[in-house]
PDB file of N, CA and C in Angstrom:
ATOM      1  N   MET A   1      20.810  33.922 -24.910  1.00  0.00           N
ATOM      2  CA  MET A   1      20.885  35.164 -24.178  1.00  0.00           C
ATOM      3  C   MET A   1      20.999  34.861 -22.688  1.00  0.00           C
ATOM      4  N   GLU A   2      21.638  35.732 -21.998  1.00  0.00           N
ATOM      5  CA  GLU A   2      21.877  35.505 -20.569  1.00  0.00           C
ATOM      6  C   GLU A   2      20.600  35.505 -19.743  1.00  0.00           C
ATOM      7  N   ASP A   3      19.554  36.209 -20.201  1.00  0.00           N
ATOM      8  CA  ASP A   3      18.314  36.257 -19.421  1.00  0.00           C
ATOM      9  C   ASP A   3      17.415  35.048 -19.679  1.00  0.00           C
ATOM     10  N   GLY A   4      17.861  34.105 -20.532  1.00  0.00           N
ATOM     11  CA  GLY A   4      17.120  32.866 -20.770  1.00  0.00           C
ATOM     12  C   GLY A   4      15.998  32.980 -21.777  1.00  0.00           C
ATOM     13  N   THR A   5      15.871  34.108 -22.488  1.00  0.00           N
ATOM     14  CA  THR A   5      14.764  34.261 -23.424  1.00  0.00           C
ATOM     15  C   THR A   5      14.961  33.485 -24.725  1.00  0.00           C
ATOM     16  N   LEU A   6      16.180  32.960 -24.958  1.00  0.00           N
ATOM     17  CA  LEU A   6      16.463  32.264 -26.203  1.00  0.00           C
ATOM     18  C   LEU A   6      17.156  30.943 -25.909  1.00  0.00           C
ATOM     19  N   LEU A   7      16.597  29.861 -26.412  1.00  0.00           N
ATOM     20  CA  LEU A   7      17.218  28.537 -26.307  1.00  0.00           C
ATOM     21  C   LEU A   7      17.760  28.194 -27.679  1.00  0.00           C
ATOM     22  N   ILE A   8      19.057  27.948 -27.771  1.00  0.00           N
ATOM     23  CA  ILE A   8      19.685  27.614 -29.056  1.00  0.00           C
ATOM     24  C   ILE A   8      20.087  26.146 -29.037  1.00  0.00           C
ATOM     25  N   LEU A   9      19.575  25.410 -30.008  1.00  0.00           N
ATOM     26  CA  LEU A   9      19.991  24.026 -30.230  1.00  0.00           C
ATOM     27  C   LEU A   9      20.890  24.057 -31.456  1.00  0.00           C
ATOM     28  N   ALA A  10      22.181  23.993 -31.245  1.00  0.00           N
ATOM     29  CA  ALA A  10      23.146  24.265 -32.304  1.00  0.00           C
ATOM     30  C   ALA A  10      23.097  23.270 -33.456  1.00  0.00           C
ATOM     31  N   SER A  11      22.898  22.008 -33.175  1.00  0.00           N
ATOM     32  CA  SER A  11      22.882  20.990 -34.224  1.00  0.00           C
ATOM     33  C   SER A  11      21.888  19.913 -33.807  1.00  0.00           C
ATOM     34  N   VAL A  12      20.649  20.041 -34.278  1.00  0.00           N
ATOM     35  CA  VAL A  12      19.596  19.138 -33.825  1.00  0.00           C
ATOM     36  C   VAL A  12      19.762  17.738 -34.411  1.00  0.00           C
ATOM     37  N   SER A  13      19.294  16.762 -33.651  1.00  0.00           N
ATOM     38  CA  SER A  13      19.230  15.379 -34.106  1.00  0.00           C
ATOM     39  C   SER A  13      17.856  14.848 -33.713  1.00  0.00           C
ATOM     40  N   GLN A  14      17.556  13.624 -34.114  1.00  0.00           N
ATOM     41  CA  GLN A  14      16.267  13.037 -33.760  1.00  0.00           C
ATOM     42  C   GLN A  14      16.097  12.907 -32.253  1.00  0.00           C
ATOM     43  N   LEU A  15      17.191  12.853 -31.525  1.00  0.00           N
ATOM     44  CA  LEU A  15      17.107  12.778 -30.068  1.00  0.00           C
ATOM     45  C   LEU A  15      16.528  14.051 -29.460  1.00  0.00           C
ATOM     46  N   ASP A  16      16.519  15.142 -30.240  1.00  0.00           N
ATOM     47  CA  ASP A  16      15.970  16.413 -29.759  1.00  0.00           C
ATOM     48  C   ASP A  16      14.459  16.502 -29.918  1.00  0.00           C
ATOM     49  N   ASN A  17      13.835  15.511 -30.587  1.00  0.00           N
ATOM     50  CA  ASN A  17      12.376  15.487 -30.692  1.00  0.00           C
ATOM     51  C   ASN A  17      11.767  15.540 -29.300  1.00  0.00           C
ATOM     52  N   GLY A  18      10.696  16.301 -29.157  1.00  0.00           N
ATOM     53  CA  GLY A  18      10.006  16.299 -27.879  1.00  0.00           C
ATOM     54  C   GLY A  18       9.411  17.646 -27.530  1.00  0.00           C
ATOM     55  N   GLU A  19       8.921  17.735 -26.314  1.00  0.00           N
ATOM     56  CA  GLU A  19       8.261  18.946 -25.837  1.00  0.00           C
ATOM     57  C   GLU A  19       9.254  19.799 -25.048  1.00  0.00           C
ATOM     58  N   TYR A  20       9.306  21.064 -25.402  1.00  0.00           N
ATOM     59  CA  TYR A  20      10.118  22.038 -24.686  1.00  0.00           C
ATOM     60  C   TYR A  20       9.161  23.038 -24.045  1.00  0.00           C
ATOM     61  N   VAL A  21       9.450  23.423 -22.822  1.00  0.00           N
ATOM     62  CA  VAL A  21       8.579  24.339 -22.098  1.00  0.00           C
ATOM     63  C   VAL A  21       9.423  25.498 -21.565  1.00  0.00           C
ATOM     64  N   CYS A  22       9.009  26.707 -21.906  1.00  0.00           N
ATOM     65  CA  CYS A  22       9.610  27.920 -21.360  1.00  0.00           C
ATOM     66  C   CYS A  22       8.691  28.394 -20.227  1.00  0.00           C
ATOM     67  N   THR A  23       9.238  28.486 -19.040  1.00  0.00           N
ATOM     68  CA  THR A  23       8.459  28.921 -17.886  1.00  0.00           C
ATOM     69  C   THR A  23       9.035  30.231 -17.350  1.00  0.00           C
ATOM     70  N   ALA A  24       8.163  31.191 -17.145  1.00  0.00           N
ATOM     71  CA  ALA A  24       8.566  32.474 -16.552  1.00  0.00           C
ATOM     72  C   ALA A  24       7.840  32.630 -15.224  1.00  0.00           C
ATOM     73  N   ALA A  25       8.573  33.021 -14.201  1.00  0.00           N
ATOM     74  CA  ALA A  25       7.963  33.143 -12.874  1.00  0.00           C
ATOM     75  C   ALA A  25       8.512  34.372 -12.150  1.00  0.00           C
ATOM     76  N   ASN A  26       7.647  35.014 -11.411  1.00  0.00           N
ATOM     77  CA  ASN A  26       8.049  36.072 -10.482  1.00  0.00           C
ATOM     78  C   ASN A  26       7.076  36.060  -9.315  1.00  0.00           C
ATOM     79  N   GLU A  27       7.190  37.042  -8.422  1.00  0.00           N
ATOM     80  CA  GLU A  27       6.344  37.039  -7.227  1.00  0.00           C
ATOM     81  C   GLU A  27       4.860  37.197  -7.541  1.00  0.00           C
ATOM     82  N   ALA A  28       4.536  37.637  -8.754  1.00  0.00           N
ATOM     83  CA  ALA A  28       3.136  37.833  -9.131  1.00  0.00           C
ATOM     84  C   ALA A  28       2.517  36.573  -9.748  1.00  0.00           C
ATOM     85  N   GLY A  29       3.337  35.584 -10.121  1.00  0.00           N
ATOM     86  CA  GLY A  29       2.774  34.382 -10.715  1.00  0.00           C
ATOM     87  C   GLY A  29       3.718  33.714 -11.697  1.00  0.00           C
ATOM     88  N   THR A  30       3.179  32.773 -12.447  1.00  0.00           N
ATOM     89  CA  THR A  30       3.974  32.051 -13.452  1.00  0.00           C
ATOM     90  C   THR A  30       3.163  31.921 -14.740  1.00  0.00           C
ATOM     91  N   THR A  31       3.890  31.727 -15.812  1.00  0.00           N
ATOM     92  CA  THR A  31       3.277  31.438 -17.112  1.00  0.00           C
ATOM     93  C   THR A  31       4.227  30.541 -17.874  1.00  0.00           C
ATOM     94  N   GLN A  32       3.702  29.882 -18.887  1.00  0.00           N
ATOM     95  CA  GLN A  32       4.573  29.020 -19.680  1.00  0.00           C
ATOM     96  C   GLN A  32       4.125  28.952 -21.128  1.00  0.00           C
ATOM     97  N   LYS A  33       5.054  28.636 -21.974  1.00  0.00           N
ATOM     98  CA  LYS A  33       4.813  28.436 -23.406  1.00  0.00           C
ATOM     99  C   LYS A  33       5.414  27.085 -23.765  1.00  0.00           C
ATOM    100  N   LYS A  34       4.610  26.221 -24.431  1.00  0.00           N
ATOM    101  CA  LYS A  34       5.071  24.890 -24.823  1.00  0.00           C
ATOM    102  C   LYS A  34       5.390  24.872 -26.311  1.00  0.00           C
ATOM    103  N   TYR A  35       6.431  24.166 -26.647  1.00  0.00           N
ATOM    104  CA  TYR A  35       6.843  23.953 -28.039  1.00  0.00           C
ATOM    105  C   TYR A  35       7.000  22.467 -28.262  1.00  0.00           C
ATOM    106  N   GLN A  36       6.446  21.969 -29.343  1.00  0.00           N
ATOM    107  CA  GLN A  36       6.629  20.575 -29.731  1.00  0.00           C
ATOM    108  C   GLN A  36       7.624  20.573 -30.882  1.00  0.00           C
ATOM    109  N   LEU A  37       8.810  20.010 -30.661  1.00  0.00           N
ATOM    110  CA  LEU A  37       9.856  19.990 -31.685  1.00  0.00           C
ATOM    111  C   LEU A  37       9.843  18.652 -32.406  1.00  0.00           C
ATOM    112  N   LYS A  38       9.730  18.707 -33.731  1.00  0.00           N
ATOM    113  CA  LYS A  38       9.769  17.514 -34.582  1.00  0.00           C
ATOM    114  C   LYS A  38      10.921  17.707 -35.556  1.00  0.00           C
ATOM    115  N   VAL A  39      11.932  16.860 -35.455  1.00  0.00           N
ATOM    116  CA  VAL A  39      13.098  16.942 -36.324  1.00  0.00           C
ATOM    117  C   VAL A  39      12.852  16.077 -37.555  1.00  0.00           C
ATOM    118  N   ASN A  40      12.831  16.691 -38.731  1.00  0.00           N
ATOM    119  CA  ASN A  40      12.679  15.963 -39.986  1.00  0.00           C
ATOM    120  C   ASN A  40      14.055  15.542 -40.488  1.00  0.00           C
ATOM    121  N   VAL A  41      14.148  14.306 -40.975  1.00  0.00           N
ATOM    122  CA  VAL A  41      15.404  13.762 -41.472  1.00  0.00           C
ATOM    123  C   VAL A  41      15.215  13.420 -42.948  1.00  0.00           C
ATOM    124  N   PRO A  42      16.067  13.957 -43.846  1.00  0.00           N
ATOM    125  CA  PRO A  42      15.900  13.667 -45.270  1.00  0.00           C
ATOM    126  C   PRO A  42      16.080  12.174 -45.569  1.00  0.00           C
ATOM    127  N   PRO A  43      15.470  11.710 -46.656  1.00  0.00           N
ATOM    128  CA  PRO A  43      15.617  10.298 -47.024  1.00  0.00           C
ATOM    129  C   PRO A  43      17.080   9.923 -47.233  1.00  0.00           C
ATOM    130  N   ASP A  44      17.423   8.719 -46.799  1.00  0.00           N
ATOM    131  CA  ASP A  44      18.780   8.209 -46.952  1.00  0.00           C
ATOM    132  C   ASP A  44      18.697   6.749 -47.367  1.00  0.00           C
ATOM    133  N   LEU A  45      19.314   6.425 -48.497  1.00  0.00           N
ATOM    134  CA  LEU A  45      19.361   5.036 -48.962  1.00  0.00           C
ATOM    135  C   LEU A  45      20.429   4.298 -48.179  1.00  0.00           C
ATOM    136  N   ARG A  46      20.028   3.222 -47.519  1.00  0.00           N
ATOM    137  CA  ARG A  46      21.000   2.401 -46.794  1.00  0.00           C
ATOM    138  C   ARG A  46      21.597   1.403 -47.770  1.00  0.00           C
ATOM    139  N   ASP A  47      22.915   1.458 -47.915  1.00  0.00           N
ATOM    140  CA  ASP A  47      23.603   0.535 -48.817  1.00  0.00           C
ATOM    141  C   ASP A  47      23.882  -0.750 -48.065  1.00  0.00           C
ATOM    142  N   ASN A  48      23.089  -1.771 -48.370  1.00  0.00           N
ATOM    143  CA  ASN A  48      23.251  -3.048 -47.671  1.00  0.00           C
ATOM    144  C   ASN A  48      24.177  -3.996 -48.424  1.00  0.00           C
ATOM    145  N   GLY A  49      24.942  -3.449 -49.354  1.00  0.00           N
ATOM    146  CA  GLY A  49      25.893  -4.268 -50.093  1.00  0.00           C
ATOM    147  C   GLY A  49      25.315  -4.983 -51.291  1.00  0.00           C
ATOM    148  N   SER A  50      24.027  -4.781 -51.582  1.00  0.00           N
ATOM    149  CA  SER A  50      23.440  -5.454 -52.743  1.00  0.00           C
ATOM    150  C   SER A  50      23.942  -4.777 -54.017  1.00  0.00           C
ATOM    151  N   PRO A  51      24.156  -5.568 -55.057  1.00  0.00           N
ATOM    152  CA  PRO A  51      24.695  -5.014 -56.303  1.00  0.00           C
ATOM    153  C   PRO A  51      23.688  -4.109 -57.010  1.00  0.00           C
ATOM    154  N   GLY A  52      24.189  -3.112 -57.730  1.00  0.00           N
ATOM    155  CA  GLY A  52      23.330  -2.223 -58.497  1.00  0.00           C
ATOM    156  C   GLY A  52      22.932  -2.812 -59.841  1.00  0.00           C
ATOM    157  N   ASN A  53      23.715  -3.749 -60.334  1.00  0.00           N
ATOM    158  CA  ASN A  53      23.403  -4.430 -61.596  1.00  0.00           C
ATOM    159  C   ASN A  53      23.041  -5.871 -61.281  1.00  0.00           C
ATOM    160  N   VAL A  54      21.893  -6.320 -61.803  1.00  0.00           N
ATOM    161  CA  VAL A  54      21.389  -7.652 -61.494  1.00  0.00           C
ATOM    162  C   VAL A  54      21.087  -8.388 -62.795  1.00  0.00           C
ATOM    163  N   SER A  55      21.512  -9.629 -62.876  1.00  0.00           N
ATOM    164  CA  SER A  55      21.169 -10.498 -64.008  1.00  0.00           C
ATOM    165  C   SER A  55      20.234 -11.580 -63.495  1.00  0.00           C
ATOM    166  N   VAL A  56      19.163 -11.838 -64.263  1.00  0.00           N
ATOM    167  CA  VAL A  56      18.184 -12.848 -63.865  1.00  0.00           C
ATOM    168  C   VAL A  56      17.888 -13.767 -65.037  1.00  0.00           C
ATOM    169  N   VAL A  57      17.362 -14.931 -64.713  1.00  0.00           N
ATOM    170  CA  VAL A  57      16.979 -15.911 -65.730  1.00  0.00           C
ATOM    171  C   VAL A  57      15.557 -15.601 -66.183  1.00  0.00           C
ATOM    172  N   LEU A  58      15.310 -15.676 -67.481  1.00  0.00           N
ATOM    173  CA  LEU A  58      14.001 -15.426 -68.068  1.00  0.00           C
ATOM    174  C   LEU A  58      12.914 -16.207 -67.339  1.00  0.00           C
ATOM    175  N   ASN A  59      11.800 -15.542 -67.053  1.00  0.00           N
ATOM    176  CA  ASN A  59      10.612 -16.104 -66.405  1.00  0.00           C
ATOM    177  C   ASN A  59      10.825 -16.503 -64.943  1.00  0.00           C
ATOM    178  N   GLN A  60      11.900 -16.055 -64.330  1.00  0.00           N
ATOM    179  CA  GLN A  60      12.145 -16.320 -62.916  1.00  0.00           C
ATOM    180  C   GLN A  60      11.902 -15.036 -62.119  1.00  0.00           C
ATOM    181  N   PRO A  61      11.446 -15.161 -60.879  1.00  0.00           N
ATOM    182  CA  PRO A  61      11.214 -13.962 -60.062  1.00  0.00           C
ATOM    183  C   PRO A  61      12.525 -13.352 -59.580  1.00  0.00           C
ATOM    184  N   THR A  62      12.470 -12.071 -59.279  1.00  0.00           N
ATOM    185  CA  THR A  62      13.620 -11.386 -58.679  1.00  0.00           C
ATOM    186  C   THR A  62      13.112 -10.295 -57.756  1.00  0.00           C
ATOM    187  N   ASN A  63      13.953  -9.853 -56.859  1.00  0.00           N
ATOM    188  CA  ASN A  63      13.614  -8.780 -55.926  1.00  0.00           C
ATOM    189  C   ASN A  63      14.639  -7.665 -56.032  1.00  0.00           C
ATOM    190  N   LEU A  64      14.165  -6.436 -56.075  1.00  0.00           N
ATOM    191  CA  LEU A  64      15.022  -5.255 -55.985  1.00  0.00           C
ATOM    192  C   LEU A  64      14.636  -4.546 -54.691  1.00  0.00           C
ATOM    193  N   VAL A  65      15.607  -4.278 -53.842  1.00  0.00           N
ATOM    194  CA  VAL A  65      15.334  -3.721 -52.528  1.00  0.00           C
ATOM    195  C   VAL A  65      15.733  -2.249 -52.489  1.00  0.00           C
ATOM    196  N   CYS A  66      14.824  -1.433 -51.988  1.00  0.00           N
ATOM    197  CA  CYS A  66      15.083  -0.009 -51.783  1.00  0.00           C
ATOM    198  C   CYS A  66      14.934   0.255 -50.287  1.00  0.00           C
ATOM    199  N   ASP A  67      16.037   0.136 -49.549  1.00  0.00           N
ATOM    200  CA  ASP A  67      16.035   0.264 -48.093  1.00  0.00           C
ATOM    201  C   ASP A  67      16.325   1.726 -47.741  1.00  0.00           C
ATOM    202  N   VAL A  68      15.285   2.439 -47.313  1.00  0.00           N
ATOM    203  CA  VAL A  68      15.378   3.883 -47.099  1.00  0.00           C
ATOM    204  C   VAL A  68      14.963   4.228 -45.676  1.00  0.00           C
ATOM    205  N   THR A  69      15.671   5.188 -45.089  1.00  0.00           N
ATOM    206  CA  THR A  69      15.276   5.727 -43.794  1.00  0.00           C
ATOM    207  C   THR A  69      14.968   7.203 -43.956  1.00  0.00           C
ATOM    208  N   GLY A  70      14.280   7.774 -42.999  1.00  0.00           N
ATOM    209  CA  GLY A  70      13.968   9.196 -42.993  1.00  0.00           C
ATOM    210  C   GLY A  70      12.807   9.458 -42.066  1.00  0.00           C
ATOM    211  N   SER A  71      12.624  10.711 -41.734  1.00  0.00           N
ATOM    212  CA  SER A  71      11.512  11.084 -40.862  1.00  0.00           C
ATOM    213  C   SER A  71      10.968  12.428 -41.321  1.00  0.00           C
ATOM    214  N   PRO A  72       9.678  12.485 -41.688  1.00  0.00           N
ATOM    215  CA  PRO A  72       8.733  11.362 -41.694  1.00  0.00           C
ATOM    216  C   PRO A  72       9.170  10.276 -42.680  1.00  0.00           C
ATOM    217  N   VAL A  73       8.554   9.104 -42.554  1.00  0.00           N
ATOM    218  CA  VAL A  73       8.905   7.964 -43.398  1.00  0.00           C
ATOM    219  C   VAL A  73       8.748   8.359 -44.872  1.00  0.00           C
ATOM    220  N   PRO A  74       9.808   8.168 -45.676  1.00  0.00           N
ATOM    221  CA  PRO A  74       9.734   8.556 -47.091  1.00  0.00           C
ATOM    222  C   PRO A  74       8.737   7.710 -47.882  1.00  0.00           C
ATOM    223  N   VAL A  75       8.150   8.327 -48.895  1.00  0.00           N
ATOM    224  CA  VAL A  75       7.294   7.622 -49.852  1.00  0.00           C
ATOM    225  C   VAL A  75       8.214   7.116 -50.957  1.00  0.00           C
ATOM    226  N   ILE A  76       8.153   5.821 -51.234  1.00  0.00           N
ATOM    227  CA  ILE A  76       9.023   5.217 -52.247  1.00  0.00           C
ATOM    228  C   ILE A  76       8.227   5.011 -53.524  1.00  0.00           C
ATOM    229  N   THR A  77       8.795   5.462 -54.626  1.00  0.00           N
ATOM    230  CA  THR A  77       8.199   5.265 -55.945  1.00  0.00           C
ATOM    231  C   THR A  77       9.240   4.615 -56.842  1.00  0.00           C
ATOM    232  N   TRP A  78       8.870   3.525 -57.482  1.00  0.00           N
ATOM    233  CA  TRP A  78       9.772   2.844 -58.415  1.00  0.00           C
ATOM    234  C   TRP A  78       9.510   3.343 -59.834  1.00  0.00           C
ATOM    235  N   TYR A  79      10.586   3.503 -60.603  1.00  0.00           N
ATOM    236  CA  TYR A  79      10.510   3.922 -61.998  1.00  0.00           C
ATOM    237  C   TYR A  79      11.279   2.926 -62.854  1.00  0.00           C
ATOM    238  N   LYS A  80      10.804   2.736 -64.073  1.00  0.00           N
ATOM    239  CA  LYS A  80      11.548   1.980 -65.083  1.00  0.00           C
ATOM    240  C   LYS A  80      11.662   2.871 -66.306  1.00  0.00           C
ATOM    241  N   ASP A  81      12.875   3.205 -66.659  1.00  0.00           N
ATOM    242  CA  ASP A  81      13.136   4.089 -67.802  1.00  0.00           C
ATOM    243  C   ASP A  81      12.350   5.386 -67.694  1.00  0.00           C
ATOM    244  N   GLY A  82      12.258   5.938 -66.480  1.00  0.00           N
ATOM    245  CA  GLY A  82      11.602   7.222 -66.257  1.00  0.00           C
ATOM    246  C   GLY A  82      10.101   7.176 -66.087  1.00  0.00           C
ATOM    247  N   VAL A  83       9.495   5.990 -66.178  1.00  0.00           N
ATOM    248  CA  VAL A  83       8.043   5.850 -66.039  1.00  0.00           C
ATOM    249  C   VAL A  83       7.745   5.126 -64.731  1.00  0.00           C
ATOM    250  N   PRO A  84       6.820   5.651 -63.905  1.00  0.00           N
ATOM    251  CA  PRO A  84       6.482   4.942 -62.667  1.00  0.00           C
ATOM    252  C   PRO A  84       6.044   3.510 -62.941  1.00  0.00           C
ATOM    253  N   VAL A  85       6.545   2.571 -62.157  1.00  0.00           N
ATOM    254  CA  VAL A  85       6.280   1.148 -62.382  1.00  0.00           C
ATOM    255  C   VAL A  85       4.792   0.842 -62.335  1.00  0.00           C
ATOM    256  N   GLY A  86       4.013   1.471 -61.459  1.00  0.00           N
ATOM    257  CA  GLY A  86       2.570   1.226 -61.393  1.00  0.00           C
ATOM    258  C   GLY A  86       1.880   1.546 -62.702  1.00  0.00           C
ATOM    259  N   GLU A  87       2.311   2.611 -63.376  1.00  0.00           N
ATOM    260  CA  GLU A  87       1.724   2.955 -64.675  1.00  0.00           C
ATOM    261  C   GLU A  87       2.097   1.908 -65.716  1.00  0.00           C
ATOM    262  N   LEU A  88       3.305   1.374 -65.650  1.00  0.00           N
ATOM    263  CA  LEU A  88       3.726   0.340 -66.596  1.00  0.00           C
ATOM    264  C   LEU A  88       2.861  -0.901 -66.448  1.00  0.00           C
ATOM    265  N   ILE A  89       2.575  -1.297 -65.207  1.00  0.00           N
ATOM    266  CA  ILE A  89       1.739  -2.472 -64.969  1.00  0.00           C
ATOM    267  C   ILE A  89       0.334  -2.230 -65.497  1.00  0.00           C
ATOM    268  N   LEU A  90      -0.214  -1.035 -65.267  1.00  0.00           N
ATOM    269  CA  LEU A  90      -1.551  -0.704 -65.743  1.00  0.00           C
ATOM    270  C   LEU A  90      -1.596  -0.726 -67.266  1.00  0.00           C
ATOM    271  N   HIS A  91      -0.613  -0.122 -67.928  1.00  0.00           N
ATOM    272  CA  HIS A  91      -0.588  -0.098 -69.395  1.00  0.00           C
ATOM    273  C   HIS A  91      -0.432  -1.500 -69.958  1.00  0.00           C
ATOM    274  N   SER A  92       0.412  -2.308 -69.334  1.00  0.00           N
ATOM    275  CA  SER A  92       0.615  -3.671 -69.792  1.00  0.00           C
ATOM    276  C   SER A  92      -0.681  -4.465 -69.662  1.00  0.00           C
ATOM    277  N   CYS A  93      -1.384  -4.276 -68.570  1.00  0.00           N
ATOM    278  CA  CYS A  93      -2.644  -4.988 -68.311  1.00  0.00           C
ATOM    279  C   CYS A  93      -3.682  -4.601 -69.365  1.00  0.00           C
ATOM    280  N   CYS A  94      -3.756  -3.324 -69.689  1.00  0.00           N
ATOM    281  CA  CYS A  94      -4.736  -2.862 -70.686  1.00  0.00           C
ATOM    282  C   CYS A  94      -4.414  -3.423 -72.061  1.00  0.00           C
ATOM    283  N   ARG A  95      -3.108  -3.464 -72.404  1.00  0.00           N
ATOM    284  CA  ARG A  95      -2.711  -4.002 -73.708  1.00  0.00           C
ATOM    285  C   ARG A  95      -3.032  -5.497 -73.806  1.00  0.00           C
ATOM    286  N   ASP A  96      -2.889  -6.207 -72.656  1.00  0.00           N
ATOM    287  CA  ASP A  96      -3.104  -7.653 -72.660  1.00  0.00           C
ATOM    288  C   ASP A  96      -4.583  -8.018 -72.481  1.00  0.00           C
ATOM    289  N   GLY A  97      -5.434  -7.011 -72.285  1.00  0.00           N
ATOM    290  CA  GLY A  97      -6.865  -7.265 -72.147  1.00  0.00           C
ATOM    291  C   GLY A  97      -7.283  -7.826 -70.801  1.00  0.00           C
ATOM    292  N   CYS A  98      -6.645  -7.317 -69.721  1.00  0.00           N
ATOM    293  CA  CYS A  98      -6.994  -7.804 -68.362  1.00  0.00           C
ATOM    294  C   CYS A  98      -8.416  -7.497 -68.005  1.00  0.00           C
TER     295      CYS A  98
END
């Protein structure tokens, strides 16, 4: 609006994070309203060129990398055949008598 009552940020990015202050002043005094803007960014998997299909040798270690960005920092959960990996480890441990 021409009178300055509305600030429009047409397409926000993380660079827009920060404090915004609206100040109103006239001959009788001044007042202000502060806004803290936090731009949330959805999780994004970074494709670092690693293959989606991996073959490994029996009894050898391997690493699967889940390189994710986002704000706030995303919570990563691994699944195997639809079951969270932590539950699989717990069930395996109980079956083996840990």
